[in-house]
Amino acid sequence: MNETYRQNNYRRFDAVTYAITYALKHNPKYRYFPILGDTSGNCANFISQCLFAGGSLMDFNQHHPWWYKKYNGNVMKDTWSISWAVAHSLYYFLKVNESINSPYVKGLEVSNKELLEVGDLVFFEDNRRVIFHSAIVTSFIGKEPLISQNSFDALNIPFRSSWTAYKIHFVKIII
């Protein structure tokens, strides 16, 4: 693995504690995005909240932003970047940051699920090559990662029990 991977400042325990706390009961301090048909949901918003709880700093740059702005306690007026709330955009935000060695949160894709740790992410891709869902690794049974997610809400389920996917992406988180 590269030097960045070894010097990771990601607070995995904090991210996972957050995920376990809010996987089944949404945090009222953030806007919640319900499932509408098959084009939306709260999965990436939830994962972004977990990453933020794990020490990821918001990135307000113009080219690859990742942020959430609260509006005086009224979550209905909050604003956010696309990469905060859309699984496909979050996946590419993390991958681009890793490729340019950004000082912000990065995602290193690995081919083997056995390289995952709690706090790492799993992304689900459909047959059109679109990432449509994201989840966080919150536990293990043996070497099998268990995930927690929103859209549908679940706590510590096998990743294969989540949405059916054409391809699964395993992403190590690096700060």
N, C-alpha and C. Protein backbone atom coordinates (compact mmCIF):
# COMPACT_ATOMS: atom_id res chain seq x y z
N MET A 1 0.84 -1.19 0.00
CA MET A 1 0.00 0.00 0.00
C MET A 1 0.87 1.25 0.00
N ASN A 2 0.27 2.34 -0.39
CA ASN A 2 1.04 3.58 -0.48
C ASN A 2 1.19 4.25 0.88
N GLU A 3 2.02 5.28 0.94
CA GLU A 3 2.32 5.99 2.18
C GLU A 3 1.07 6.61 2.80
N THR A 4 0.19 7.14 1.98
CA THR A 4 -1.03 7.77 2.48
C THR A 4 -1.86 6.77 3.27
N TYR A 5 -1.96 5.56 2.77
CA TYR A 5 -2.74 4.52 3.43
C TYR A 5 -2.18 4.25 4.83
N ARG A 6 -0.88 4.20 4.96
CA ARG A 6 -0.27 3.90 6.26
C ARG A 6 -0.41 5.04 7.25
N GLN A 7 -0.51 6.28 6.79
CA GLN A 7 -0.59 7.43 7.68
C GLN A 7 -2.01 7.99 7.75
N ASN A 8 -2.97 7.11 7.83
CA ASN A 8 -4.37 7.51 7.80
C ASN A 8 -4.80 8.17 9.10
N ASN A 9 -5.46 9.34 8.99
CA ASN A 9 -5.99 10.05 10.15
C ASN A 9 -7.49 9.88 10.30
N TYR A 10 -8.08 8.99 9.56
CA TYR A 10 -9.51 8.72 9.62
C TYR A 10 -9.85 8.09 10.97
N ARG A 11 -10.82 8.66 11.65
CA ARG A 11 -11.26 8.14 12.95
C ARG A 11 -12.38 7.13 12.70
N ARG A 12 -11.98 5.91 12.38
CA ARG A 12 -12.91 4.85 12.01
C ARG A 12 -13.95 4.59 13.10
N PHE A 13 -13.49 4.54 14.35
CA PHE A 13 -14.40 4.26 15.46
C PHE A 13 -15.51 5.31 15.53
N ASP A 14 -15.15 6.59 15.33
CA ASP A 14 -16.15 7.66 15.37
C ASP A 14 -17.14 7.54 14.22
N ALA A 15 -16.65 7.22 13.03
CA ALA A 15 -17.53 7.06 11.87
C ALA A 15 -18.50 5.90 12.08
N VAL A 16 -17.98 4.80 12.61
CA VAL A 16 -18.81 3.61 12.83
C VAL A 16 -19.79 3.84 13.97
N THR A 17 -19.36 4.50 15.03
CA THR A 17 -20.29 4.82 16.13
C THR A 17 -21.44 5.66 15.61
N TYR A 18 -21.13 6.64 14.77
CA TYR A 18 -22.18 7.47 14.17
C TYR A 18 -23.11 6.60 13.33
N ALA A 19 -22.55 5.74 12.50
CA ALA A 19 -23.35 4.88 11.63
C ALA A 19 -24.29 3.99 12.44
N ILE A 20 -23.78 3.39 13.49
CA ILE A 20 -24.59 2.51 14.31
C ILE A 20 -25.71 3.31 15.00
N THR A 21 -25.39 4.51 15.43
CA THR A 21 -26.38 5.36 16.10
C THR A 21 -27.52 5.77 15.16
N TYR A 22 -27.19 6.09 13.90
CA TYR A 22 -28.18 6.68 13.00
C TYR A 22 -28.60 5.82 11.82
N ALA A 23 -28.20 4.57 11.77
CA ALA A 23 -28.61 3.72 10.65
C ALA A 23 -30.12 3.48 10.65
N LEU A 24 -30.70 3.29 11.81
CA LEU A 24 -32.13 2.97 11.89
C LEU A 24 -32.98 4.13 12.39
N LYS A 25 -32.33 5.16 12.90
CA LYS A 25 -33.04 6.35 13.41
C LYS A 25 -32.26 7.56 12.90
N HIS A 26 -32.78 8.25 11.93
CA HIS A 26 -32.06 9.31 11.24
C HIS A 26 -31.75 10.49 12.16
N ASN A 27 -30.60 11.11 11.95
CA ASN A 27 -30.18 12.27 12.73
C ASN A 27 -31.06 13.47 12.34
N PRO A 28 -31.83 14.01 13.27
CA PRO A 28 -32.73 15.12 12.93
C PRO A 28 -32.00 16.42 12.62
N LYS A 29 -30.68 16.47 12.84
CA LYS A 29 -29.91 17.67 12.55
C LYS A 29 -29.53 17.78 11.06
N TYR A 30 -29.86 16.74 10.29
CA TYR A 30 -29.59 16.74 8.85
C TYR A 30 -30.89 16.49 8.09
N ARG A 31 -30.96 17.03 6.90
CA ARG A 31 -32.09 16.77 6.02
C ARG A 31 -32.10 15.29 5.68
N TYR A 32 -33.28 14.71 5.63
CA TYR A 32 -33.44 13.31 5.26
C TYR A 32 -34.06 13.24 3.86
N PHE A 33 -33.51 12.39 3.00
CA PHE A 33 -33.99 12.23 1.63
C PHE A 33 -34.68 10.87 1.51
N PRO A 34 -36.00 10.85 1.45
CA PRO A 34 -36.70 9.56 1.35
C PRO A 34 -36.52 8.92 -0.02
N ILE A 35 -36.75 7.62 -0.08
CA ILE A 35 -36.71 6.91 -1.36
C ILE A 35 -37.92 7.35 -2.18
N LEU A 36 -37.68 7.80 -3.39
CA LEU A 36 -38.74 8.17 -4.33
C LEU A 36 -38.50 7.39 -5.61
N GLY A 37 -39.32 6.39 -5.84
CA GLY A 37 -39.10 5.54 -6.99
C GLY A 37 -37.76 4.84 -6.85
N ASP A 38 -36.96 4.87 -7.88
CA ASP A 38 -35.63 4.27 -7.80
C ASP A 38 -34.55 5.30 -8.13
N THR A 39 -34.84 6.59 -7.89
CA THR A 39 -33.89 7.62 -8.27
C THR A 39 -33.38 8.45 -7.10
N SER A 40 -33.71 8.08 -5.89
CA SER A 40 -33.24 8.90 -4.77
C SER A 40 -33.18 8.07 -3.50
N GLY A 41 -32.82 8.73 -2.43
CA GLY A 41 -32.73 8.09 -1.14
C GLY A 41 -31.70 8.81 -0.29
N ASN A 42 -31.46 8.30 0.88
CA ASN A 42 -30.61 8.97 1.85
C ASN A 42 -29.23 8.32 2.01
N CYS A 43 -28.90 7.35 1.18
CA CYS A 43 -27.68 6.57 1.42
C CYS A 43 -26.41 7.41 1.43
N ALA A 44 -26.18 8.22 0.41
CA ALA A 44 -24.94 9.00 0.34
C ALA A 44 -24.92 10.10 1.39
N ASN A 45 -26.07 10.71 1.66
CA ASN A 45 -26.16 11.70 2.73
C ASN A 45 -25.75 11.07 4.06
N PHE A 46 -26.25 9.88 4.35
CA PHE A 46 -25.88 9.15 5.56
C PHE A 46 -24.39 8.83 5.59
N ILE A 47 -23.85 8.34 4.48
CA ILE A 47 -22.42 8.01 4.42
C ILE A 47 -21.57 9.26 4.59
N SER A 48 -21.97 10.37 3.99
CA SER A 48 -21.23 11.62 4.16
C SER A 48 -21.24 12.06 5.62
N GLN A 49 -22.36 11.90 6.28
CA GLN A 49 -22.43 12.22 7.72
C GLN A 49 -21.45 11.35 8.50
N CYS A 50 -21.37 10.07 8.16
CA CYS A 50 -20.43 9.15 8.82
C CYS A 50 -18.98 9.60 8.59
N LEU A 51 -18.65 9.94 7.34
CA LEU A 51 -17.29 10.40 7.02
C LEU A 51 -16.96 11.67 7.79
N PHE A 52 -17.91 12.58 7.87
CA PHE A 52 -17.72 13.82 8.62
C PHE A 52 -17.50 13.51 10.11
N ALA A 53 -18.28 12.60 10.65
CA ALA A 53 -18.10 12.20 12.06
C ALA A 53 -16.74 11.55 12.29
N GLY A 54 -16.19 10.93 11.24
CA GLY A 54 -14.88 10.29 11.32
C GLY A 54 -13.70 11.22 11.08
N GLY A 55 -13.97 12.52 10.98
CA GLY A 55 -12.89 13.49 10.87
C GLY A 55 -12.66 14.08 9.50
N SER A 56 -13.49 13.70 8.52
CA SER A 56 -13.34 14.28 7.18
C SER A 56 -13.76 15.74 7.22
N LEU A 57 -12.92 16.60 6.64
CA LEU A 57 -13.25 18.02 6.55
C LEU A 57 -14.07 18.28 5.30
N MET A 58 -15.02 19.19 5.41
CA MET A 58 -15.79 19.57 4.23
C MET A 58 -14.87 20.30 3.25
N ASP A 59 -15.12 20.09 1.97
CA ASP A 59 -14.31 20.67 0.90
C ASP A 59 -15.20 21.57 0.06
N PHE A 60 -14.95 22.89 0.14
CA PHE A 60 -15.80 23.87 -0.53
C PHE A 60 -15.22 24.34 -1.86
N ASN A 61 -14.24 23.62 -2.43
CA ASN A 61 -13.64 24.07 -3.69
C ASN A 61 -14.66 24.03 -4.82
N GLN A 62 -14.35 24.74 -5.90
CA GLN A 62 -15.29 24.88 -7.02
C GLN A 62 -15.34 23.66 -7.93
N HIS A 63 -14.27 22.85 -7.97
CA HIS A 63 -14.20 21.76 -8.94
C HIS A 63 -14.69 20.43 -8.40
N HIS A 64 -14.38 20.11 -7.17
CA HIS A 64 -14.78 18.83 -6.56
C HIS A 64 -15.25 19.07 -5.13
N PRO A 65 -16.38 19.75 -4.94
CA PRO A 65 -16.81 20.08 -3.58
C PRO A 65 -17.50 18.91 -2.87
N TRP A 66 -17.41 18.93 -1.55
CA TRP A 66 -18.13 17.97 -0.69
C TRP A 66 -18.45 18.72 0.59
N TRP A 67 -19.71 19.10 0.77
CA TRP A 67 -20.07 19.91 1.92
C TRP A 67 -21.56 19.83 2.22
N TYR A 68 -21.90 20.26 3.44
CA TYR A 68 -23.28 20.38 3.90
C TYR A 68 -23.34 21.64 4.75
N LYS A 69 -24.26 22.54 4.43
CA LYS A 69 -24.43 23.79 5.19
C LYS A 69 -25.78 23.78 5.89
N LYS A 70 -25.74 23.98 7.20
CA LYS A 70 -26.97 24.05 7.99
C LYS A 70 -27.52 25.47 7.97
N TYR A 71 -28.84 25.57 8.05
CA TYR A 71 -29.50 26.86 8.00
C TYR A 71 -30.31 27.08 9.28
N ASN A 72 -29.69 27.67 10.29
CA ASN A 72 -30.37 28.09 11.52
C ASN A 72 -31.32 27.04 12.11
N GLY A 73 -30.92 25.78 12.09
CA GLY A 73 -31.73 24.74 12.71
C GLY A 73 -32.92 24.27 11.89
N ASN A 74 -33.15 24.82 10.72
CA ASN A 74 -34.25 24.40 9.86
C ASN A 74 -33.68 23.54 8.74
N VAL A 75 -33.70 22.21 8.91
CA VAL A 75 -33.08 21.32 7.93
C VAL A 75 -33.71 21.42 6.55
N MET A 76 -34.93 21.91 6.47
CA MET A 76 -35.58 22.04 5.16
C MET A 76 -34.95 23.16 4.33
N LYS A 77 -34.17 24.02 4.96
CA LYS A 77 -33.49 25.10 4.23
C LYS A 77 -31.98 24.85 4.10
N ASP A 78 -31.50 23.71 4.61
CA ASP A 78 -30.09 23.36 4.48
C ASP A 78 -29.73 23.21 3.01
N THR A 79 -28.43 23.35 2.70
CA THR A 79 -27.93 23.13 1.34
C THR A 79 -26.76 22.15 1.40
N TRP A 80 -26.40 21.57 0.26
CA TRP A 80 -25.36 20.55 0.21
C TRP A 80 -24.81 20.45 -1.20
N SER A 81 -23.63 19.88 -1.31
CA SER A 81 -23.06 19.61 -2.63
C SER A 81 -23.64 18.31 -3.17
N ILE A 82 -23.57 18.14 -4.47
CA ILE A 82 -24.06 16.90 -5.09
C ILE A 82 -23.30 15.70 -4.54
N SER A 83 -21.99 15.84 -4.37
CA SER A 83 -21.20 14.70 -3.89
C SER A 83 -21.52 14.33 -2.44
N TRP A 84 -22.11 15.23 -1.68
CA TRP A 84 -22.52 14.90 -0.31
C TRP A 84 -23.73 13.95 -0.33
N ALA A 85 -24.62 14.13 -1.31
CA ALA A 85 -25.92 13.48 -1.24
C ALA A 85 -26.22 12.46 -2.34
N VAL A 86 -25.33 12.30 -3.32
CA VAL A 86 -25.58 11.38 -4.44
C VAL A 86 -24.47 10.34 -4.47
N ALA A 87 -24.84 9.07 -4.40
CA ALA A 87 -23.86 7.98 -4.30
C ALA A 87 -22.84 8.01 -5.44
N HIS A 88 -23.29 8.17 -6.67
CA HIS A 88 -22.40 8.19 -7.83
C HIS A 88 -21.36 9.32 -7.69
N SER A 89 -21.82 10.50 -7.29
CA SER A 89 -20.92 11.65 -7.14
C SER A 89 -19.98 11.47 -5.95
N LEU A 90 -20.46 10.90 -4.86
CA LEU A 90 -19.60 10.65 -3.70
C LEU A 90 -18.48 9.67 -4.07
N TYR A 91 -18.84 8.61 -4.76
CA TYR A 91 -17.84 7.62 -5.20
C TYR A 91 -16.73 8.29 -6.02
N TYR A 92 -17.13 9.09 -7.01
CA TYR A 92 -16.12 9.72 -7.86
C TYR A 92 -15.36 10.83 -7.14
N PHE A 93 -16.01 11.53 -6.23
CA PHE A 93 -15.31 12.52 -5.40
C PHE A 93 -14.17 11.84 -4.64
N LEU A 94 -14.45 10.71 -4.01
CA LEU A 94 -13.43 9.99 -3.24
C LEU A 94 -12.31 9.47 -4.14
N LYS A 95 -12.68 8.91 -5.30
CA LYS A 95 -11.68 8.36 -6.22
C LYS A 95 -10.81 9.46 -6.83
N VAL A 96 -11.40 10.58 -7.23
CA VAL A 96 -10.61 11.69 -7.79
C VAL A 96 -9.67 12.22 -6.71
N ASN A 97 -10.15 12.40 -5.50
CA ASN A 97 -9.29 12.89 -4.43
C ASN A 97 -8.10 11.96 -4.19
N GLU A 98 -8.33 10.66 -4.29
CA GLU A 98 -7.22 9.71 -4.11
C GLU A 98 -6.23 9.85 -5.27
N SER A 99 -6.72 10.02 -6.48
CA SER A 99 -5.83 10.09 -7.65
C SER A 99 -4.97 11.35 -7.66
N ILE A 100 -5.47 12.44 -7.06
CA ILE A 100 -4.69 13.68 -7.03
C ILE A 100 -4.04 13.91 -5.65
N ASN A 101 -4.17 12.93 -4.77
CA ASN A 101 -3.63 13.01 -3.40
C ASN A 101 -4.13 14.28 -2.68
N SER A 102 -5.41 14.48 -2.75
CA SER A 102 -6.05 15.63 -2.11
C SER A 102 -5.82 15.61 -0.60
N PRO A 103 -5.76 16.78 0.04
CA PRO A 103 -5.66 16.81 1.50
C PRO A 103 -7.00 16.47 2.18
N TYR A 104 -8.08 16.33 1.38
CA TYR A 104 -9.39 15.99 1.92
C TYR A 104 -9.61 14.48 1.86
N VAL A 105 -10.76 14.03 2.31
CA VAL A 105 -11.06 12.60 2.36
C VAL A 105 -10.89 11.98 0.97
N LYS A 106 -10.32 10.78 0.96
CA LYS A 106 -10.02 10.06 -0.27
C LYS A 106 -10.55 8.64 -0.17
N GLY A 107 -10.75 8.01 -1.32
CA GLY A 107 -11.16 6.62 -1.36
C GLY A 107 -10.25 5.82 -2.26
N LEU A 108 -9.63 4.81 -1.71
CA LEU A 108 -8.76 3.92 -2.47
C LEU A 108 -9.52 2.63 -2.74
N GLU A 109 -9.85 2.38 -4.00
CA GLU A 109 -10.60 1.18 -4.33
C GLU A 109 -9.68 -0.04 -4.25
N VAL A 110 -10.18 -1.08 -3.60
CA VAL A 110 -9.45 -2.35 -3.48
C VAL A 110 -10.31 -3.46 -4.06
N SER A 111 -9.67 -4.49 -4.56
CA SER A 111 -10.42 -5.56 -5.21
C SER A 111 -10.85 -6.67 -4.26
N ASN A 112 -10.28 -6.69 -3.07
CA ASN A 112 -10.54 -7.78 -2.15
C ASN A 112 -11.25 -7.26 -0.89
N LYS A 113 -12.42 -7.81 -0.60
CA LYS A 113 -13.18 -7.38 0.58
C LYS A 113 -12.42 -7.64 1.87
N GLU A 114 -11.46 -8.54 1.85
CA GLU A 114 -10.69 -8.85 3.06
C GLU A 114 -9.73 -7.72 3.44
N LEU A 115 -9.55 -6.73 2.57
CA LEU A 115 -8.72 -5.57 2.89
C LEU A 115 -9.52 -4.47 3.60
N LEU A 116 -10.83 -4.64 3.66
CA LEU A 116 -11.68 -3.64 4.29
C LEU A 116 -11.55 -3.68 5.81
N GLU A 117 -11.77 -2.52 6.40
CA GLU A 117 -11.84 -2.37 7.85
C GLU A 117 -13.15 -1.68 8.17
N VAL A 118 -13.54 -1.69 9.44
CA VAL A 118 -14.72 -0.92 9.79
C VAL A 118 -14.47 0.54 9.40
N GLY A 119 -15.51 1.20 8.93
CA GLY A 119 -15.40 2.58 8.48
C GLY A 119 -15.14 2.71 6.99
N ASP A 120 -14.75 1.64 6.32
CA ASP A 120 -14.59 1.69 4.86
C ASP A 120 -15.97 1.59 4.22
N LEU A 121 -16.02 1.81 2.90
CA LEU A 121 -17.30 1.92 2.21
C LEU A 121 -17.48 0.84 1.15
N VAL A 122 -18.75 0.57 0.86
CA VAL A 122 -19.13 -0.35 -0.21
C VAL A 122 -20.10 0.43 -1.11
N PHE A 123 -19.79 0.42 -2.42
CA PHE A 123 -20.64 1.09 -3.40
C PHE A 123 -21.21 0.04 -4.34
N PHE A 124 -22.44 0.27 -4.79
CA PHE A 124 -23.17 -0.66 -5.62
C PHE A 124 -23.40 -0.02 -6.99
N GLU A 125 -23.04 -0.75 -8.05
CA GLU A 125 -23.15 -0.25 -9.42
C GLU A 125 -24.16 -1.08 -10.20
N ASP A 126 -24.97 -0.40 -11.03
CA ASP A 126 -25.92 -1.12 -11.86
C ASP A 126 -25.33 -1.47 -13.21
N ASN A 127 -26.12 -2.14 -14.06
CA ASN A 127 -25.59 -2.60 -15.36
C ASN A 127 -25.41 -1.45 -16.36
N ARG A 128 -25.80 -0.23 -15.98
CA ARG A 128 -25.53 0.94 -16.82
C ARG A 128 -24.26 1.65 -16.38
N ARG A 129 -23.54 1.06 -15.44
CA ARG A 129 -22.28 1.58 -14.89
C ARG A 129 -22.50 2.83 -14.04
N VAL A 130 -23.65 2.89 -13.39
CA VAL A 130 -23.97 3.99 -12.50
C VAL A 130 -23.94 3.49 -11.05
N ILE A 131 -23.21 4.18 -10.21
CA ILE A 131 -23.20 3.87 -8.78
C ILE A 131 -24.53 4.37 -8.23
N PHE A 132 -25.33 3.48 -7.67
CA PHE A 132 -26.66 3.86 -7.21
C PHE A 132 -26.85 3.75 -5.70
N HIS A 133 -25.87 3.20 -4.99
CA HIS A 133 -26.05 3.02 -3.55
C HIS A 133 -24.69 2.98 -2.86
N SER A 134 -24.68 3.42 -1.60
CA SER A 134 -23.46 3.39 -0.79
C SER A 134 -23.80 2.93 0.62
N ALA A 135 -22.83 2.28 1.27
CA ALA A 135 -23.00 1.77 2.63
C ALA A 135 -21.64 1.81 3.32
N ILE A 136 -21.65 1.71 4.65
CA ILE A 136 -20.43 1.74 5.43
C ILE A 136 -20.24 0.41 6.16
N VAL A 137 -19.00 -0.07 6.20
CA VAL A 137 -18.69 -1.30 6.93
C VAL A 137 -18.68 -0.98 8.42
N THR A 138 -19.55 -1.67 9.18
CA THR A 138 -19.66 -1.39 10.61
C THR A 138 -19.31 -2.59 11.49
N SER A 139 -19.10 -3.76 10.89
CA SER A 139 -18.73 -4.93 11.67
C SER A 139 -18.28 -6.03 10.72
N PHE A 140 -17.92 -7.17 11.28
CA PHE A 140 -17.54 -8.35 10.50
C PHE A 140 -18.08 -9.60 11.17
N ILE A 141 -18.38 -10.59 10.35
CA ILE A 141 -18.57 -11.97 10.82
C ILE A 141 -17.45 -12.74 10.13
N GLY A 142 -16.46 -13.12 10.91
CA GLY A 142 -15.27 -13.71 10.31
C GLY A 142 -14.62 -12.66 9.42
N LYS A 143 -14.43 -12.99 8.15
CA LYS A 143 -13.85 -12.04 7.19
C LYS A 143 -14.92 -11.37 6.32
N GLU A 144 -16.18 -11.65 6.63
CA GLU A 144 -17.28 -11.09 5.84
C GLU A 144 -17.72 -9.74 6.40
N PRO A 145 -17.58 -8.65 5.60
CA PRO A 145 -17.99 -7.34 6.09
C PRO A 145 -19.50 -7.23 6.25
N LEU A 146 -19.90 -6.60 7.33
CA LEU A 146 -21.31 -6.25 7.55
C LEU A 146 -21.43 -4.75 7.36
N ILE A 147 -22.50 -4.33 6.73
CA ILE A 147 -22.69 -2.92 6.42
C ILE A 147 -23.89 -2.35 7.16
N SER A 148 -23.86 -1.03 7.30
CA SER A 148 -25.03 -0.28 7.76
C SER A 148 -25.30 0.77 6.69
N GLN A 149 -26.60 1.13 6.55
CA GLN A 149 -26.98 1.98 5.43
C GLN A 149 -28.32 2.64 5.69
N ASN A 150 -28.64 3.61 4.86
CA ASN A 150 -29.98 4.15 4.71
C ASN A 150 -30.43 3.81 3.30
N SER A 151 -31.73 3.89 3.07
CA SER A 151 -32.35 3.67 1.74
C SER A 151 -32.21 2.23 1.26
N PHE A 152 -32.62 1.28 1.78
CA PHE A 152 -33.39 0.97 2.95
C PHE A 152 -32.51 0.98 4.19
N ASP A 153 -33.11 1.27 5.33
CA ASP A 153 -32.34 1.37 6.57
C ASP A 153 -31.96 -0.02 7.06
N ALA A 154 -30.68 -0.19 7.40
CA ALA A 154 -30.21 -1.48 7.87
C ALA A 154 -28.98 -1.29 8.76
N LEU A 155 -28.84 -2.18 9.72
CA LEU A 155 -27.71 -2.16 10.66
C LEU A 155 -27.04 -3.52 10.66
N ASN A 156 -25.75 -3.53 10.33
CA ASN A 156 -24.92 -4.74 10.38
C ASN A 156 -25.51 -5.92 9.60
N ILE A 157 -25.76 -5.69 8.31
CA ILE A 157 -26.21 -6.78 7.44
C ILE A 157 -25.08 -7.15 6.48
N PRO A 158 -25.04 -8.39 5.99
CA PRO A 158 -24.05 -8.74 4.96
C PRO A 158 -24.26 -7.85 3.73
N PHE A 159 -23.18 -7.39 3.11
CA PHE A 159 -23.32 -6.48 1.97
C PHE A 159 -24.11 -7.12 0.84
N ARG A 160 -24.07 -8.42 0.73
CA ARG A 160 -24.83 -9.10 -0.32
C ARG A 160 -26.33 -9.14 -0.03
N SER A 161 -26.73 -8.75 1.19
CA SER A 161 -28.15 -8.67 1.54
C SER A 161 -28.73 -7.29 1.27
N SER A 162 -27.90 -6.39 0.77
CA SER A 162 -28.36 -5.05 0.44
C SER A 162 -28.98 -5.09 -0.95
N TRP A 163 -28.81 -4.04 -1.73
CA TRP A 163 -29.37 -3.98 -3.07
C TRP A 163 -28.65 -4.94 -4.01
N THR A 164 -29.36 -5.47 -4.98
CA THR A 164 -28.75 -6.30 -6.03
C THR A 164 -27.94 -5.37 -6.93
N ALA A 165 -26.70 -5.78 -7.21
CA ALA A 165 -25.81 -4.92 -7.99
C ALA A 165 -25.13 -5.72 -9.10
N TYR A 166 -24.83 -5.03 -10.18
CA TYR A 166 -24.06 -5.60 -11.28
C TYR A 166 -22.59 -5.72 -10.85
N LYS A 167 -22.11 -4.72 -10.07
CA LYS A 167 -20.74 -4.71 -9.60
C LYS A 167 -20.70 -4.06 -8.22
N ILE A 168 -19.83 -4.58 -7.37
CA ILE A 168 -19.63 -4.04 -6.02
C ILE A 168 -18.24 -3.42 -5.97
N HIS A 169 -18.14 -2.22 -5.39
CA HIS A 169 -16.85 -1.53 -5.24
C HIS A 169 -16.53 -1.44 -3.75
N PHE A 170 -15.32 -1.88 -3.39
CA PHE A 170 -14.84 -1.79 -2.01
C PHE A 170 -13.87 -0.61 -1.94
N VAL A 171 -14.13 0.33 -1.04
CA VAL A 171 -13.34 1.57 -1.00
C VAL A 171 -12.82 1.80 0.40
N LYS A 172 -11.48 1.86 0.50
CA LYS A 172 -10.81 2.19 1.75
C LYS A 172 -10.80 3.69 1.90
N ILE A 173 -11.11 4.16 3.09
CA ILE A 173 -11.16 5.60 3.35
C ILE A 173 -9.85 6.06 3.94
N ILE A 174 -9.38 7.20 3.43
CA ILE A 174 -8.10 7.77 3.82
C ILE A 174 -8.29 9.27 4.05
N ILE A 175 -7.75 9.77 5.12
CA ILE A 175 -7.72 11.23 5.34
C ILE A 175 -6.25 11.62 5.47
